[in-house]
C-alpha atoms as a PDB file:
ATOM      1  CA  MET A   1      71.699  51.366  53.165  1.00  0.00           C
ATOM      2  CA  SER A   2      68.513  50.727  51.205  1.00  0.00           C
ATOM      3  CA  SER A   3      67.423  47.404  49.844  1.00  0.00           C
ATOM      4  CA  SER A   4      64.625  46.123  47.652  1.00  0.00           C
ATOM      5  CA  ALA A   5      62.729  42.896  48.055  1.00  0.00           C
ATOM      6  CA  THR A   6      60.335  40.936  45.871  1.00  0.00           C
ATOM      7  CA  PHE A   7      57.653  38.830  47.497  1.00  0.00           C
ATOM      8  CA  HIS A   8      55.987  35.956  45.636  1.00  0.00           C
ATOM      9  CA  GLN A   9      52.629  34.614  46.823  1.00  0.00           C
ATOM     10  CA  LEU A  10      53.134  31.052  45.589  1.00  0.00           C
ATOM     11  CA  TRP A  11      50.667  28.345  44.640  1.00  0.00           C
ATOM     12  CA  PRO A  12      47.330  29.850  45.619  1.00  0.00           C
ATOM     13  CA  THR A  13      44.238  27.645  45.964  1.00  0.00           C
ATOM     14  CA  LEU A  14      41.152  29.499  44.755  1.00  0.00           C
ATOM     15  CA  LEU A  15      37.896  28.711  46.572  1.00  0.00           C
ATOM     16  CA  MET A  16      34.759  30.507  45.355  1.00  0.00           C
ATOM     17  CA  GLU A  17      31.553  31.228  47.296  1.00  0.00           C
ATOM     18  CA  ALA A  18      28.531  32.487  45.351  1.00  0.00           C
ATOM     19  CA  GLU A  19      25.084  33.311  46.757  1.00  0.00           C
ATOM     20  CA  ILE A  20      22.167  32.696  44.374  1.00  0.00           C
ATOM     21  CA  PRO A  21      19.385  35.279  44.967  1.00  0.00           C
ATOM     22  CA  GLY A  22      15.750  34.271  44.635  1.00  0.00           C
ATOM     23  CA  CYS A  23      16.558  30.582  44.941  1.00  0.00           C
ATOM     24  CA  GLU A  24      13.665  29.610  47.219  1.00  0.00           C
ATOM     25  CA  PRO A  25      11.147  28.385  44.562  1.00  0.00           C
ATOM     26  CA  ALA A  26      13.800  26.362  42.737  1.00  0.00           C
ATOM     27  CA  ASN A  27      15.087  24.913  46.021  1.00  0.00           C
ATOM     28  CA  ALA A  28      11.586  23.773  46.953  1.00  0.00           C
ATOM     29  CA  ALA A  29      11.257  21.986  43.603  1.00  0.00           C
ATOM     30  CA  LEU A  30      14.752  20.472  43.881  1.00  0.00           C
ATOM     31  CA  LEU A  31      13.991  19.270  47.403  1.00  0.00           C
ATOM     32  CA  GLN A  32      10.828  17.522  46.244  1.00  0.00           C
ATOM     33  CA  LEU A  33      12.662  15.877  43.329  1.00  0.00           C
ATOM     34  CA  ILE A  34      15.630  14.689  45.425  1.00  0.00           C
ATOM     35  CA  GLU A  35      13.401  13.270  48.159  1.00  0.00           C
ATOM     36  CA  SER A  36      11.395  11.331  45.571  1.00  0.00           C
ATOM     37  CA  LEU A  37      14.578   9.991  43.970  1.00  0.00           C
ATOM     38  CA  GLU A  38      15.856   8.817  47.336  1.00  0.00           C
ATOM     39  CA  GLN A  39      12.647   6.906  47.937  1.00  0.00           C
ATOM     40  CA  GLU A  40      13.411   4.978  44.750  1.00  0.00           C
ATOM     41  CA  ASN A  41      17.115   4.534  45.557  1.00  0.00           C
ATOM     42  CA  SER A  42      18.228   4.526  49.205  1.00  0.00           C
ATOM     43  CA  ASP A  43      21.880   4.640  48.034  1.00  0.00           C
ATOM     44  CA  LEU A  44      21.311   7.868  46.106  1.00  0.00           C
ATOM     45  CA  THR A  45      24.075   9.782  47.899  1.00  0.00           C
ATOM     46  CA  THR A  46      26.805   7.167  47.428  1.00  0.00           C
ATOM     47  CA  ASP A  47      25.654   5.960  43.993  1.00  0.00           C
ATOM     48  CA  TYR A  48      26.937   9.118  42.309  1.00  0.00           C
ATOM     49  CA  LEU A  49      28.311   7.364  39.217  1.00  0.00           C
ATOM     50  CA  ALA A  50      24.958   5.798  38.309  1.00  0.00           C
ATOM     51  CA  GLY A  51      23.717   8.844  36.407  1.00  0.00           C
ATOM     52  CA  ASP A  52      23.906  12.589  35.971  1.00  0.00           C
ATOM     53  CA  PHE A  53      21.391  14.509  38.064  1.00  0.00           C
ATOM     54  CA  LEU A  54      22.065  17.682  36.074  1.00  0.00           C
ATOM     55  CA  ALA A  55      21.024  15.979  32.825  1.00  0.00           C
ATOM     56  CA  ARG A  56      17.430  15.544  34.018  1.00  0.00           C
ATOM     57  CA  ARG A  57      14.669  17.277  32.074  1.00  0.00           C
ATOM     58  CA  ASN A  58      13.269  19.296  34.934  1.00  0.00           C
ATOM     59  CA  PRO A  59      12.810  23.098  35.167  1.00  0.00           C
ATOM     60  CA  ALA A  60      14.490  23.352  38.580  1.00  0.00           C
ATOM     61  CA  VAL A  61      17.418  21.231  37.416  1.00  0.00           C
ATOM     62  CA  HIS A  62      17.778  23.388  34.296  1.00  0.00           C
ATOM     63  CA  TRP A  63      17.806  26.466  36.543  1.00  0.00           C
ATOM     64  CA  LEU A  64      20.504  24.913  38.733  1.00  0.00           C
ATOM     65  CA  GLN A  65      22.593  23.920  35.724  1.00  0.00           C
ATOM     66  CA  ALA A  66      22.494  27.513  34.442  1.00  0.00           C
ATOM     67  CA  CYS A  67      23.550  28.833  37.873  1.00  0.00           C
ATOM     68  CA  LEU A  68      26.437  26.373  38.066  1.00  0.00           C
ATOM     69  CA  ASN A  69      27.666  27.197  34.560  1.00  0.00           C
ATOM     70  CA  LYS A  70      27.576  30.920  35.387  1.00  0.00           C
ATOM     71  CA  THR A  71      29.603  30.250  38.552  1.00  0.00           C
ATOM     72  CA  VAL A  72      32.200  28.247  36.612  1.00  0.00           C
ATOM     73  CA  PHE A  73      32.429  31.047  34.046  1.00  0.00           C
ATOM     74  CA  ASP A  74      32.996  33.604  36.830  1.00  0.00           C
ATOM     75  CA  TYR A  75      35.665  31.371  38.389  1.00  0.00           C
ATOM     76  CA  PHE A  76      37.646  31.160  35.144  1.00  0.00           C
ATOM     77  CA  ASP A  77      37.058  34.857  34.486  1.00  0.00           C
ATOM     78  CA  HIS A  78      38.647  35.654  37.857  1.00  0.00           C
ATOM     79  CA  LEU A  79      41.694  33.589  36.905  1.00  0.00           C
ATOM     80  CA  ASP A  80      41.975  35.693  33.718  1.00  0.00           C
ATOM     81  CA  MET A  81      43.454  32.887  31.632  1.00  0.00           C
ATOM     82  CA  GLY A  82      42.931  34.827  28.404  1.00  0.00           C
ATOM     83  CA  TYR A  83      41.408  32.108  26.222  1.00  0.00           C
ATOM     84  CA  PRO A  84      38.049  30.286  26.041  1.00  0.00           C
ATOM     85  CA  ILE A  85      37.560  27.234  28.251  1.00  0.00           C
ATOM     86  CA  ASN A  86      34.886  24.647  27.510  1.00  0.00           C
ATOM     87  CA  TRP A  87      33.569  22.230  30.106  1.00  0.00           C
ATOM     88  CA  SER A  88      30.806  19.809  30.980  1.00  0.00           C
ATOM     89  CA  LEU A  89      29.076  19.240  34.321  1.00  0.00           C
ATOM     90  CA  HIS A  90      28.208  16.050  36.172  1.00  0.00           C
ATOM     91  CA  GLY A  91      26.149  16.224  39.360  1.00  0.00           C
ATOM     92  CA  TRP A  92      24.586  14.060  42.049  1.00  0.00           C
ATOM     93  CA  PRO A  93      22.352  14.733  45.097  1.00  0.00           C
ATOM     94  CA  ASN A  94      23.471  14.321  48.705  1.00  0.00           C
ATOM     95  CA  VAL A  95      21.054  13.613  51.549  1.00  0.00           C
ATOM     96  CA  ASN A  96      22.847  13.859  54.908  1.00  0.00           C
ATOM     97  CA  ARG A  97      20.685  12.722  57.805  1.00  0.00           C
ATOM     98  CA  THR A  98      21.585  12.820  61.484  1.00  0.00           C
ATOM     99  CA  GLY A  99      25.113  11.494  61.945  1.00  0.00           C
ATOM    100  CA  ASP A 100      25.916  11.351  58.221  1.00  0.00           C
ATOM    101  CA  TYR A 101      29.257  12.695  57.009  1.00  0.00           C
ATOM    102  CA  HIS A 102      31.739  12.317  54.140  1.00  0.00           C
ATOM    103  CA  ASP A 103      35.317  11.186  54.752  1.00  0.00           C
ATOM    104  CA  PRO A 104      38.204  13.423  53.596  1.00  0.00           C
ATOM    105  CA  HIS A 105      38.460  13.004  49.831  1.00  0.00           C
ATOM    106  CA  ASN A 106      39.057  14.747  46.512  1.00  0.00           C
ATOM    107  CA  HIS A 107      37.485  14.245  43.072  1.00  0.00           C
ATOM    108  CA  PRO A 108      39.789  12.511  40.555  1.00  0.00           C
ATOM    109  CA  HIS A 109      39.289  12.990  36.801  1.00  0.00           C
ATOM    110  CA  ALA A 110      37.731  16.460  37.269  1.00  0.00           C
ATOM    111  CA  TYR A 111      39.232  19.947  36.991  1.00  0.00           C
ATOM    112  CA  LEU A 112      36.931  21.682  39.477  1.00  0.00           C
ATOM    113  CA  SER A 113      34.449  20.398  42.035  1.00  0.00           C
ATOM    114  CA  GLY A 114      31.616  22.100  43.841  1.00  0.00           C
ATOM    115  CA  THR A 115      28.443  21.873  45.875  1.00  0.00           C
ATOM    116  CA  TYR A 116      25.102  23.678  45.795  1.00  0.00           C
ATOM    117  CA  TYR A 117      23.122  23.705  49.055  1.00  0.00           C
ATOM    118  CA  VAL A 118      19.399  23.098  48.665  1.00  0.00           C
ATOM    119  CA  ARG A 119      18.406  22.838  52.340  1.00  0.00           C
ATOM    120  CA  VAL A 120      20.493  23.372  55.467  1.00  0.00           C
ATOM    121  CA  PRO A 121      19.141  22.850  59.013  1.00  0.00           C
ATOM    122  CA  ASP A 122      18.326  26.207  60.615  1.00  0.00           C
ATOM    123  CA  GLY A 123      18.609  25.268  64.267  1.00  0.00           C
ATOM    124  CA  PRO A 124      21.688  24.468  66.368  1.00  0.00           C
ATOM    125  CA  ALA A 125      23.090  20.969  66.600  1.00  0.00           C
ATOM    126  CA  THR A 126      20.944  18.689  68.765  1.00  0.00           C
ATOM    127  CA  ILE A 127      23.867  16.348  69.468  1.00  0.00           C
ATOM    128  CA  GLY A 128      27.134  17.403  71.050  1.00  0.00           C
ATOM    129  CA  SER A 129      27.995  20.502  73.039  1.00  0.00           C
ATOM    130  CA  ARG A 130      31.721  21.067  72.500  1.00  0.00           C
ATOM    131  CA  LYS A 131      32.848  24.401  71.065  1.00  0.00           C
ATOM    132  CA  ASP A 132      34.676  22.724  68.194  1.00  0.00           C
ATOM    133  CA  VAL A 133      31.587  20.883  66.918  1.00  0.00           C
ATOM    134  CA  ARG A 134      30.829  22.092  63.371  1.00  0.00           C
ATOM    135  CA  SER A 135      27.649  20.283  62.434  1.00  0.00           C
ATOM    136  CA  GLY A 136      27.235  19.851  58.674  1.00  0.00           C
ATOM    137  CA  CYS A 137      30.111  22.186  57.806  1.00  0.00           C
ATOM    138  CA  ILE A 138      32.535  21.488  54.984  1.00  0.00           C
ATOM    139  CA  GLY A 139      36.255  21.753  55.649  1.00  0.00           C
ATOM    140  CA  PHE A 140      39.026  22.235  53.085  1.00  0.00           C
ATOM    141  CA  TYR A 141      42.596  21.209  53.863  1.00  0.00           C
ATOM    142  CA  ASP A 142      45.840  22.960  52.977  1.00  0.00           C
ATOM    143  CA  PRO A 143      47.257  20.891  50.075  1.00  0.00           C
ATOM    144  CA  ARG A 144      50.787  21.559  51.310  1.00  0.00           C
ATOM    145  CA  GLY A 145      51.129  18.781  53.863  1.00  0.00           C
ATOM    146  CA  ALA A 146      52.009  20.029  57.372  1.00  0.00           C
ATOM    147  CA  ALA A 147      52.569  23.605  56.155  1.00  0.00           C
ATOM    148  CA  ASN A 148      51.131  24.834  59.459  1.00  0.00           C
ATOM    149  CA  MET A 149      53.610  22.847  61.572  1.00  0.00           C
ATOM    150  CA  THR A 150      55.907  25.833  62.197  1.00  0.00           C
ATOM    151  CA  ALA A 151      53.250  28.582  62.022  1.00  0.00           C
ATOM    152  CA  ILE A 152      53.407  31.368  64.587  1.00  0.00           C
ATOM    153  CA  ARG A 153      50.789  33.867  65.734  1.00  0.00           C
ATOM    154  CA  ARG A 154      49.164  35.829  62.844  1.00  0.00           C
ATOM    155  CA  ASP A 155      50.819  33.507  60.336  1.00  0.00           C
ATOM    156  CA  PRO A 156      48.295  32.837  57.495  1.00  0.00           C
ATOM    157  CA  ASN A 157      49.406  29.186  57.497  1.00  0.00           C
ATOM    158  CA  ILE A 158      48.348  28.548  61.094  1.00  0.00           C
ATOM    159  CA  GLU A 159      45.050  26.857  60.184  1.00  0.00           C
ATOM    160  CA  ALA A 160      45.344  23.629  58.214  1.00  0.00           C
ATOM    161  CA  GLU A 161      41.549  23.541  57.681  1.00  0.00           C
ATOM    162  CA  PHE A 162      39.330  26.245  56.199  1.00  0.00           C
ATOM    163  CA  THR A 163      35.712  25.683  57.255  1.00  0.00           C
ATOM    164  CA  VAL A 164      32.550  26.925  55.556  1.00  0.00           C
ATOM    165  CA  ARG A 165      29.165  26.808  57.271  1.00  0.00           C
ATOM    166  CA  PRO A 166      26.673  26.081  54.463  1.00  0.00           C
ATOM    167  CA  ARG A 167      23.457  27.952  53.838  1.00  0.00           C
ATOM    168  CA  ALA A 168      20.677  27.339  51.344  1.00  0.00           C
ATOM    169  CA  GLY A 169      21.374  28.978  47.992  1.00  0.00           C
ATOM    170  CA  LEU A 170      25.170  28.849  48.336  1.00  0.00           C
ATOM    171  CA  ILE A 171      27.473  27.483  45.627  1.00  0.00           C
ATOM    172  CA  LEU A 172      31.040  26.503  46.521  1.00  0.00           C
ATOM    173  CA  LEU A 173      33.614  25.845  43.787  1.00  0.00           C
ATOM    174  CA  TRP A 174      37.209  24.659  44.235  1.00  0.00           C
ATOM    175  CA  PRO A 175      40.039  22.772  42.475  1.00  0.00           C
ATOM    176  CA  ALA A 176      39.116  19.091  42.308  1.00  0.00           C
ATOM    177  CA  PHE A 177      42.443  18.001  43.825  1.00  0.00           C
ATOM    178  CA  LEU A 178      41.656  19.755  47.120  1.00  0.00           C
ATOM    179  CA  GLN A 179      40.986  17.430  50.050  1.00  0.00           C
ATOM    180  CA  HIS A 180      37.715  18.240  51.805  1.00  0.00           C
ATOM    181  CA  PHE A 181      35.631  16.770  54.600  1.00  0.00           C
ATOM    182  CA  VAL A 182      31.907  17.095  55.358  1.00  0.00           C
ATOM    183  CA  HIS A 183      31.448  17.220  59.125  1.00  0.00           C
ATOM    184  CA  PRO A 184      28.694  15.028  60.637  1.00  0.00           C
ATOM    185  CA  ASN A 185      25.184  16.429  60.548  1.00  0.00           C
ATOM    186  CA  LEU A 186      24.299  16.668  64.247  1.00  0.00           C
ATOM    187  CA  CYS A 187      20.807  18.080  63.599  1.00  0.00           C
ATOM    188  CA  GLU A 188      17.575  16.151  63.298  1.00  0.00           C
ATOM    189  CA  GLU A 189      16.730  17.760  59.947  1.00  0.00           C
ATOM    190  CA  PRO A 190      18.506  16.388  56.836  1.00  0.00           C
ATOM    191  CA  ARG A 191      20.981  18.564  54.984  1.00  0.00           C
ATOM    192  CA  ILE A 192      20.424  18.296  51.224  1.00  0.00           C
ATOM    193  CA  SER A 193      22.831  19.445  48.528  1.00  0.00           C
ATOM    194  CA  VAL A 194      23.880  18.764  44.943  1.00  0.00           C
ATOM    195  CA  SER A 195      27.573  18.091  44.351  1.00  0.00           C
ATOM    196  CA  PHE A 196      29.096  18.431  40.906  1.00  0.00           C
ATOM    197  CA  ASN A 197      32.300  18.067  38.926  1.00  0.00           C
ATOM    198  CA  VAL A 198      33.579  20.277  36.123  1.00  0.00           C
ATOM    199  CA  MET A 199      35.314  18.317  33.355  1.00  0.00           C
ATOM    200  CA  LEU A 200      37.252  20.181  30.693  1.00  0.00           C
ATOM    201  CA  LYS A 201      36.588  19.521  27.018  1.00  0.00           C
ATOM    202  CA  TRP A 202      40.091  19.154  25.655  1.00  0.00           C
ATOM    203  CA  SER A 203      41.758  21.852  23.597  1.00  0.00           C
ATOM    204  CA  ASP A 204      45.411  22.203  22.629  1.00  0.00           C
ATOM    205  CA  GLU A 205      45.194  25.736  24.025  1.00  0.00           C
ATOM    206  CA  TYR A 206      45.231  24.186  27.512  1.00  0.00           C
ATOM    207  CA  LEU A 207      48.855  23.094  27.079  1.00  0.00           C
ATOM    208  CA  PRO A 208      50.942  25.385  29.307  1.00  0.00           C
ATOM    209  CA  ASP A 209      54.004  27.359  28.265  1.00  0.00           C
ATOM    210  CA  GLN A 210      56.766  26.371  30.657  1.00  0.00           C
ATOM    211  CA  GLY A 211      60.280  27.730  30.604  1.00  0.00           C
END
């Protein structure tokens, strides 16, 4: 007896990684700008609502803004939604010194969120020696609570956390609802990045057709 089966891969969560070639000169300029801004405001990393870093009139910032917009375009192009999507960006710098981390969180009031890595420590962690130490990594959590509870060997749901080890010149982009956690920086060198949100400019075309 023959039978047919249909398999549905339900509710995917799209996470995008994009390497930016030739980023070194812009990263050097961004690093200098962010370090000078932190000297003026020691709460630069946590004071992310005070202003928009990406709105600054600076050649390196303009370069970064163009790279981020291209990445957002590629993300939507991959989804193949079939209509134009308009958005705006809001960004802020992060300076993570030794021991700094970010609690698990998501980004309300945004459609997508992301991070661009300006400088990442090259050497191994100088604190801690356990195998599970992931200094400065970013972890993303399965939005389906406890979906891994009954996972068995080779089950794709076995890991509740997906971890990315950052590198300079990398852009990450993900749905803003996704819980993520920045592991403590256990190196002596600061890890510097620019986080950003993607806010949609409303259009009636965004209204979904639901049966």
